[in-house]
């Protein structure tokens, strides 16, 4: 059961990272485009999805720690994902600043 939860957590963090990468790509392309649709996409559609991912991943990490009290490499992995989550959230905020 713990293994399944960790696998789902990994899947979510990779999807979140892909979303942040897309946000950064759209923001930087939008700066050089006369059309502002890419910037609006970041602000109106991608940012809310990113915010949802950040909260969901944090809750997953907390729930796994509370329910399973993981030890060793599982705990280190969860703590690493918490740090990655914070960094991705910060990067997402920067992409929004670029789009604005």
C-alpha atoms as a PDB file:
ATOM      1  CA  UNK A   1       0.000   0.000   0.000  1.00  0.00           C
ATOM      2  CA  UNK A   2       2.796   2.457   0.866  1.00  0.00           C
ATOM      3  CA  UNK A   3       4.482   1.595  -2.412  1.00  0.00           C
ATOM      4  CA  UNK A   4       1.335   2.473  -4.366  1.00  0.00           C
ATOM      5  CA  UNK A   5       1.014   5.823  -2.573  1.00  0.00           C
ATOM      6  CA  UNK A   6       4.655   6.680  -3.283  1.00  0.00           C
ATOM      7  CA  UNK A   7       4.232   5.708  -6.929  1.00  0.00           C
ATOM      8  CA  UNK A   8       1.202   8.027  -7.210  1.00  0.00           C
ATOM      9  CA  UNK A   9       3.204  10.782  -5.505  1.00  0.00           C
ATOM     10  CA  UNK A  10       6.049  10.379  -8.008  1.00  0.00           C
ATOM     11  CA  UNK A  11       3.576  10.478 -10.896  1.00  0.00           C
ATOM     12  CA  UNK A  12       2.064  13.724  -9.599  1.00  0.00           C
ATOM     13  CA  UNK A  13       5.408  15.468  -9.073  1.00  0.00           C
ATOM     14  CA  UNK A  14       6.481  14.576 -12.625  1.00  0.00           C
ATOM     15  CA  UNK A  15       3.185  15.869 -14.046  1.00  0.00           C
ATOM     16  CA  UNK A  16       3.590  19.050 -12.000  1.00  0.00           C
ATOM     17  CA  UNK A  17       7.131  19.540 -13.291  1.00  0.00           C
ATOM     18  CA  UNK A  18       5.878  19.104 -16.859  1.00  0.00           C
ATOM     19  CA  UNK A  19       3.175  21.693 -16.268  1.00  0.00           C
ATOM     20  CA  UNK A  20       5.703  24.189 -14.873  1.00  0.00           C
ATOM     21  CA  UNK A  21       7.935  23.556 -17.883  1.00  0.00           C
ATOM     22  CA  UNK A  22       4.981  24.298 -20.178  1.00  0.00           C
ATOM     23  CA  UNK A  23       4.186  27.477 -18.231  1.00  0.00           C
ATOM     24  CA  UNK A  24       7.763  28.690 -18.608  1.00  0.00           C
ATOM     25  CA  UNK A  25       7.785  27.881 -22.309  1.00  0.00           C
ATOM     26  CA  UNK A  26       4.471  29.644 -22.952  1.00  0.00           C
ATOM     27  CA  UNK A  27       5.496  32.686 -20.893  1.00  0.00           C
ATOM     28  CA  UNK A  28       8.779  33.182 -22.689  1.00  0.00           C
ATOM     29  CA  UNK A  29       7.220  32.625 -26.123  1.00  0.00           C
ATOM     30  CA  UNK A  30       4.429  35.036 -25.218  1.00  0.00           C
ATOM     31  CA  UNK A  31       6.872  37.850 -24.508  1.00  0.00           C
ATOM     32  CA  UNK A  32       8.143  37.827 -28.085  1.00  0.00           C
ATOM     33  CA  UNK A  33       4.781  37.265 -29.735  1.00  0.00           C
ATOM     34  CA  UNK A  34       2.494  40.097 -30.764  1.00  0.00           C
ATOM     35  CA  UNK A  35      -0.368  37.800 -29.849  1.00  0.00           C
ATOM     36  CA  UNK A  36      -0.974  37.669 -26.083  1.00  0.00           C
ATOM     37  CA  UNK A  37      -2.935  34.401 -26.046  1.00  0.00           C
ATOM     38  CA  UNK A  38       0.038  32.427 -24.676  1.00  0.00           C
ATOM     39  CA  UNK A  39       0.355  34.792 -21.740  1.00  0.00           C
ATOM     40  CA  UNK A  40      -3.370  34.619 -21.071  1.00  0.00           C
ATOM     41  CA  UNK A  41      -3.177  30.814 -21.190  1.00  0.00           C
ATOM     42  CA  UNK A  42      -0.534  30.870 -18.462  1.00  0.00           C
ATOM     43  CA  UNK A  43      -2.452  33.290 -16.268  1.00  0.00           C
ATOM     44  CA  UNK A  44      -5.969  31.943 -16.719  1.00  0.00           C
ATOM     45  CA  UNK A  45      -5.567  28.195 -17.240  1.00  0.00           C
ATOM     46  CA  UNK A  46      -2.131  26.895 -16.314  1.00  0.00           C
ATOM     47  CA  UNK A  47      -1.567  28.788 -13.063  1.00  0.00           C
ATOM     48  CA  UNK A  48      -4.742  27.467 -11.386  1.00  0.00           C
ATOM     49  CA  UNK A  49      -3.750  23.920 -12.384  1.00  0.00           C
ATOM     50  CA  UNK A  50      -0.268  24.482 -10.959  1.00  0.00           C
ATOM     51  CA  UNK A  51      -1.715  25.782  -7.694  1.00  0.00           C
ATOM     52  CA  UNK A  52      -3.920  22.696  -7.450  1.00  0.00           C
ATOM     53  CA  UNK A  53      -0.944  20.388  -8.020  1.00  0.00           C
ATOM     54  CA  UNK A  54       1.115  22.138  -5.336  1.00  0.00           C
ATOM     55  CA  UNK A  55      -1.577  21.749  -2.684  1.00  0.00           C
ATOM     56  CA  UNK A  56      -2.442  18.175  -3.686  1.00  0.00           C
ATOM     57  CA  UNK A  57       1.187  17.022  -3.578  1.00  0.00           C
ATOM     58  CA  UNK A  58       1.780  18.624  -0.191  1.00  0.00           C
ATOM     59  CA  UNK A  59      -1.345  16.946   1.195  1.00  0.00           C
ATOM     60  CA  UNK A  60      -0.295  13.595  -0.257  1.00  0.00           C
ATOM     61  CA  UNK A  61       3.119  13.860   1.417  1.00  0.00           C
ATOM     62  CA  UNK A  62       1.625  14.783   4.782  1.00  0.00           C
ATOM     63  CA  UNK A  63      -0.942  11.995   4.586  1.00  0.00           C
ATOM     64  CA  UNK A  64       1.651   9.369   3.671  1.00  0.00           C
ATOM     65  CA  UNK A  65       3.884  10.404   6.557  1.00  0.00           C
ATOM     66  CA  UNK A  66       0.953  10.443   8.990  1.00  0.00           C
ATOM     67  CA  UNK A  67      -0.559   7.135   7.887  1.00  0.00           C
ATOM     68  CA  UNK A  68       2.509   4.999   7.220  1.00  0.00           C
ATOM     69  CA  UNK A  69       5.362   6.568   9.236  1.00  0.00           C
ATOM     70  CA  UNK A  70       7.832   5.677   6.474  1.00  0.00           C
ATOM     71  CA  UNK A  71      11.456   5.112   7.317  1.00  0.00           C
ATOM     72  CA  UNK A  72      14.738   5.133   5.459  1.00  0.00           C
ATOM     73  CA  UNK A  73      14.678   5.700   1.732  1.00  0.00           C
ATOM     74  CA  UNK A  74      10.884   6.133   1.575  1.00  0.00           C
ATOM     75  CA  UNK A  75      10.997   8.979   4.084  1.00  0.00           C
ATOM     76  CA  UNK A  76      13.945  10.596   2.305  1.00  0.00           C
ATOM     77  CA  UNK A  77      12.069  10.371  -1.003  1.00  0.00           C
ATOM     78  CA  UNK A  78       8.960  12.006   0.467  1.00  0.00           C
ATOM     79  CA  UNK A  79      11.016  14.798   2.023  1.00  0.00           C
ATOM     80  CA  UNK A  80      12.802  15.331  -1.294  1.00  0.00           C
ATOM     81  CA  UNK A  81       9.439  15.593  -3.075  1.00  0.00           C
ATOM     82  CA  UNK A  82       8.295  18.175  -0.524  1.00  0.00           C
ATOM     83  CA  UNK A  83      11.372  20.263  -1.375  1.00  0.00           C
ATOM     84  CA  UNK A  84      10.847  19.784  -5.107  1.00  0.00           C
ATOM     85  CA  UNK A  85       7.233  20.849  -4.666  1.00  0.00           C
ATOM     86  CA  UNK A  86       8.324  24.105  -3.028  1.00  0.00           C
ATOM     87  CA  UNK A  87      10.853  24.801  -5.785  1.00  0.00           C
ATOM     88  CA  UNK A  88       8.335  24.076  -8.534  1.00  0.00           C
ATOM     89  CA  UNK A  89       5.799  26.360  -6.873  1.00  0.00           C
ATOM     90  CA  UNK A  90       8.359  29.169  -6.759  1.00  0.00           C
ATOM     91  CA  UNK A  91       9.260  28.596 -10.406  1.00  0.00           C
ATOM     92  CA  UNK A  92       5.569  28.661 -11.308  1.00  0.00           C
ATOM     93  CA  UNK A  93       5.224  31.995  -9.546  1.00  0.00           C
ATOM     94  CA  UNK A  94       8.123  33.358 -11.578  1.00  0.00           C
ATOM     95  CA  UNK A  95       6.490  32.228 -14.825  1.00  0.00           C
ATOM     96  CA  UNK A  96       3.340  34.096 -13.808  1.00  0.00           C
ATOM     97  CA  UNK A  97       5.450  37.193 -13.158  1.00  0.00           C
ATOM     98  CA  UNK A  98       6.941  36.835 -16.648  1.00  0.00           C
ATOM     99  CA  UNK A  99       3.464  36.486 -18.157  1.00  0.00           C
ATOM    100  CA  UNK A 100       2.192  39.552 -16.300  1.00  0.00           C
END
